[in-house]
N, C-alpha and C. Protein backbone atom coordinates (compact mmCIF):
# COMPACT_ATOMS: atom_id res chain seq x y z
N MET A 1 15.75 10.05 -7.65
CA MET A 1 14.93 10.14 -6.46
C MET A 1 13.56 9.52 -6.69
N VAL A 2 12.97 9.00 -5.66
CA VAL A 2 11.66 8.37 -5.77
C VAL A 2 10.60 9.40 -6.12
N GLY A 3 10.61 10.56 -5.49
CA GLY A 3 9.62 11.60 -5.74
C GLY A 3 9.64 12.08 -7.19
N GLU A 4 10.83 12.19 -7.74
CA GLU A 4 10.95 12.64 -9.13
C GLU A 4 10.38 11.60 -10.08
N THR A 5 10.60 10.34 -9.79
CA THR A 5 10.06 9.28 -10.64
C THR A 5 8.54 9.31 -10.61
N ALA A 6 7.96 9.47 -9.44
CA ALA A 6 6.50 9.53 -9.31
C ALA A 6 5.95 10.74 -10.05
N ALA A 7 6.67 11.85 -10.02
CA ALA A 7 6.19 13.06 -10.67
C ALA A 7 6.18 12.91 -12.19
N ARG A 8 7.07 12.08 -12.74
CA ARG A 8 7.13 11.90 -14.18
C ARG A 8 6.03 10.98 -14.70
N ARG A 9 5.58 10.08 -13.85
CA ARG A 9 4.51 9.18 -14.25
C ARG A 9 3.19 9.94 -14.26
N GLY A 10 2.28 9.44 -15.06
CA GLY A 10 0.95 10.02 -15.07
C GLY A 10 0.17 9.54 -13.85
N PRO A 11 -1.03 10.05 -13.70
CA PRO A 11 -1.87 9.63 -12.59
C PRO A 11 -2.20 8.14 -12.66
N SER A 12 -2.25 7.49 -11.48
CA SER A 12 -2.64 6.08 -11.40
C SER A 12 -4.13 5.95 -11.73
N GLU A 13 -4.60 4.71 -11.83
CA GLU A 13 -6.03 4.50 -12.12
C GLU A 13 -6.92 5.14 -11.07
N ARG A 14 -6.57 4.94 -9.81
CA ARG A 14 -7.38 5.53 -8.73
C ARG A 14 -7.33 7.05 -8.80
N GLU A 15 -6.14 7.61 -9.05
CA GLU A 15 -6.01 9.06 -9.18
C GLU A 15 -6.82 9.56 -10.37
N GLN A 16 -6.82 8.83 -11.47
CA GLN A 16 -7.61 9.23 -12.64
C GLN A 16 -9.10 9.25 -12.30
N PHE A 17 -9.55 8.26 -11.53
CA PHE A 17 -10.95 8.21 -11.11
C PHE A 17 -11.29 9.43 -10.26
N ILE A 18 -10.41 9.77 -9.33
CA ILE A 18 -10.64 10.93 -8.47
C ILE A 18 -10.65 12.21 -9.29
N ILE A 19 -9.72 12.33 -10.22
CA ILE A 19 -9.66 13.51 -11.08
C ILE A 19 -10.97 13.65 -11.86
N GLN A 20 -11.44 12.55 -12.42
CA GLN A 20 -12.69 12.58 -13.19
C GLN A 20 -13.85 13.02 -12.30
N ARG A 21 -13.93 12.48 -11.11
CA ARG A 21 -15.02 12.83 -10.21
C ARG A 21 -14.96 14.30 -9.80
N VAL A 22 -13.75 14.82 -9.58
CA VAL A 22 -13.59 16.24 -9.26
C VAL A 22 -14.09 17.08 -10.44
N ALA A 23 -13.70 16.68 -11.64
CA ALA A 23 -14.12 17.41 -12.85
C ALA A 23 -15.63 17.37 -13.03
N GLU A 24 -16.27 16.33 -12.54
CA GLU A 24 -17.74 16.22 -12.60
C GLU A 24 -18.41 17.06 -11.53
N GLY A 25 -17.63 17.65 -10.63
CA GLY A 25 -18.18 18.51 -9.60
C GLY A 25 -18.49 17.80 -8.29
N CYS A 26 -18.00 16.58 -8.13
CA CYS A 26 -18.27 15.84 -6.89
C CYS A 26 -17.47 16.41 -5.72
N LYS A 27 -18.05 16.34 -4.56
CA LYS A 27 -17.37 16.74 -3.33
C LYS A 27 -16.53 15.58 -2.82
N ASN A 28 -15.57 15.89 -1.95
CA ASN A 28 -14.69 14.86 -1.41
C ASN A 28 -15.48 13.74 -0.75
N ARG A 29 -16.53 14.07 -0.03
CA ARG A 29 -17.35 13.06 0.65
C ARG A 29 -17.98 12.12 -0.38
N GLU A 30 -18.48 12.66 -1.49
CA GLU A 30 -19.09 11.83 -2.53
C GLU A 30 -18.05 10.90 -3.17
N ILE A 31 -16.86 11.43 -3.40
CA ILE A 31 -15.79 10.62 -3.98
C ILE A 31 -15.41 9.50 -3.00
N ALA A 32 -15.28 9.85 -1.74
CA ALA A 32 -14.94 8.86 -0.72
C ALA A 32 -15.99 7.76 -0.65
N ASP A 33 -17.24 8.13 -0.68
CA ASP A 33 -18.32 7.14 -0.63
C ASP A 33 -18.26 6.20 -1.83
N SER A 34 -17.98 6.75 -3.01
CA SER A 34 -17.94 5.91 -4.21
C SER A 34 -16.74 4.97 -4.20
N LEU A 35 -15.67 5.34 -3.47
CA LEU A 35 -14.48 4.49 -3.37
C LEU A 35 -14.52 3.57 -2.15
N GLY A 36 -15.48 3.81 -1.28
CA GLY A 36 -15.54 3.02 -0.05
C GLY A 36 -14.42 3.36 0.91
N THR A 37 -14.06 4.62 0.97
CA THR A 37 -12.96 5.05 1.84
C THR A 37 -13.39 6.32 2.58
N SER A 38 -12.45 6.95 3.25
CA SER A 38 -12.77 8.14 4.03
C SER A 38 -12.46 9.42 3.24
N GLU A 39 -13.07 10.49 3.67
CA GLU A 39 -12.82 11.79 3.07
C GLU A 39 -11.35 12.18 3.25
N HIS A 40 -10.77 11.80 4.37
CA HIS A 40 -9.36 12.09 4.65
C HIS A 40 -8.46 11.45 3.59
N VAL A 41 -8.75 10.22 3.20
CA VAL A 41 -7.96 9.53 2.18
C VAL A 41 -8.06 10.28 0.84
N VAL A 42 -9.26 10.73 0.50
CA VAL A 42 -9.45 11.48 -0.75
C VAL A 42 -8.65 12.78 -0.71
N LYS A 43 -8.65 13.47 0.42
CA LYS A 43 -7.86 14.71 0.55
C LYS A 43 -6.38 14.42 0.35
N ASN A 44 -5.91 13.31 0.90
CA ASN A 44 -4.49 12.94 0.70
C ASN A 44 -4.20 12.66 -0.76
N TYR A 45 -5.09 11.94 -1.42
CA TYR A 45 -4.93 11.69 -2.86
C TYR A 45 -4.88 13.00 -3.63
N LEU A 46 -5.77 13.92 -3.30
CA LEU A 46 -5.78 15.20 -4.01
C LEU A 46 -4.47 15.95 -3.83
N ARG A 47 -3.91 15.94 -2.62
CA ARG A 47 -2.62 16.60 -2.41
C ARG A 47 -1.55 15.97 -3.30
N LEU A 48 -1.54 14.64 -3.36
CA LEU A 48 -0.56 13.94 -4.20
C LEU A 48 -0.77 14.28 -5.68
N ILE A 49 -2.02 14.31 -6.11
CA ILE A 49 -2.34 14.63 -7.50
C ILE A 49 -1.90 16.05 -7.83
N TYR A 50 -2.23 17.01 -6.96
CA TYR A 50 -1.81 18.40 -7.20
C TYR A 50 -0.29 18.49 -7.33
N ASP A 51 0.43 17.82 -6.42
CA ASP A 51 1.89 17.85 -6.49
C ASP A 51 2.41 17.21 -7.77
N LYS A 52 1.84 16.07 -8.13
CA LYS A 52 2.28 15.33 -9.31
C LYS A 52 2.07 16.16 -10.58
N LEU A 53 0.95 16.88 -10.65
CA LEU A 53 0.61 17.62 -11.87
C LEU A 53 1.01 19.09 -11.81
N GLY A 54 1.52 19.54 -10.66
CA GLY A 54 1.92 20.94 -10.53
C GLY A 54 0.73 21.88 -10.48
N LEU A 55 -0.34 21.44 -9.84
CA LEU A 55 -1.56 22.24 -9.74
C LEU A 55 -1.78 22.69 -8.30
N TRP A 56 -2.69 23.66 -8.11
CA TRP A 56 -2.92 24.22 -6.78
C TRP A 56 -4.27 23.86 -6.16
N ASN A 57 -5.28 23.60 -7.00
CA ASN A 57 -6.62 23.38 -6.44
C ASN A 57 -7.48 22.58 -7.40
N ARG A 58 -8.72 22.29 -6.96
CA ARG A 58 -9.60 21.44 -7.75
C ARG A 58 -10.10 22.13 -9.01
N VAL A 59 -10.15 23.45 -9.04
CA VAL A 59 -10.55 24.15 -10.26
C VAL A 59 -9.49 23.92 -11.34
N GLU A 60 -8.22 24.10 -10.97
CA GLU A 60 -7.15 23.84 -11.93
C GLU A 60 -7.15 22.37 -12.36
N LEU A 61 -7.45 21.48 -11.42
CA LEU A 61 -7.49 20.06 -11.73
C LEU A 61 -8.60 19.75 -12.74
N ALA A 62 -9.76 20.34 -12.53
CA ALA A 62 -10.88 20.13 -13.45
C ALA A 62 -10.54 20.67 -14.84
N LEU A 63 -9.91 21.82 -14.90
CA LEU A 63 -9.51 22.39 -16.19
C LEU A 63 -8.45 21.52 -16.86
N TRP A 64 -7.51 20.99 -16.08
CA TRP A 64 -6.49 20.09 -16.61
C TRP A 64 -7.15 18.86 -17.22
N TYR A 65 -8.12 18.30 -16.50
CA TYR A 65 -8.84 17.11 -16.98
C TYR A 65 -9.57 17.41 -18.28
N GLU A 66 -10.29 18.50 -18.32
CA GLU A 66 -11.06 18.86 -19.53
C GLU A 66 -10.14 19.07 -20.72
N ALA A 67 -8.99 19.68 -20.50
CA ALA A 67 -8.03 19.89 -21.59
C ALA A 67 -7.55 18.54 -22.13
N ARG A 68 -7.30 17.57 -21.26
CA ARG A 68 -6.87 16.24 -21.69
C ARG A 68 -7.98 15.53 -22.47
N GLN A 69 -9.22 15.73 -22.06
CA GLN A 69 -10.34 15.12 -22.77
C GLN A 69 -10.42 15.65 -24.20
N HIS A 70 -10.22 16.95 -24.36
CA HIS A 70 -10.27 17.54 -25.70
C HIS A 70 -9.09 17.08 -26.55
N GLU A 71 -7.92 16.92 -25.93
CA GLU A 71 -6.76 16.41 -26.66
C GLU A 71 -7.03 15.02 -27.20
N GLN A 72 -7.67 14.18 -26.40
CA GLN A 72 -7.97 12.81 -26.82
C GLN A 72 -8.93 12.80 -28.01
N VAL A 73 -9.89 13.69 -28.01
CA VAL A 73 -10.85 13.77 -29.10
C VAL A 73 -10.16 14.19 -30.39
N TYR A 74 -9.28 15.19 -30.31
CA TYR A 74 -8.60 15.69 -31.49
C TYR A 74 -7.52 14.74 -32.00
N ASN A 75 -6.94 13.95 -31.11
CA ASN A 75 -5.88 13.02 -31.51
C ASN A 75 -6.41 11.67 -31.94
N ALA A 76 -7.70 11.45 -31.79
CA ALA A 76 -8.28 10.14 -32.13
C ALA A 76 -8.48 9.98 -33.61
């Protein structure tokens, strides 16, 4: 299935940027402005990211991001 394939892949570059900005504490409007898009588009991206990673909200997303950052430091 297409959905299953997407779920197995990691976040795209744009999704990674959004995840990073969420982890930095940016609001959807700020993220949208930095991407040159609308807040609605950012909300859609966040829904896709939550589904892809099995998360429920931006707090979990920020924690997921921070955990990956620490993994990279320890694995380097």
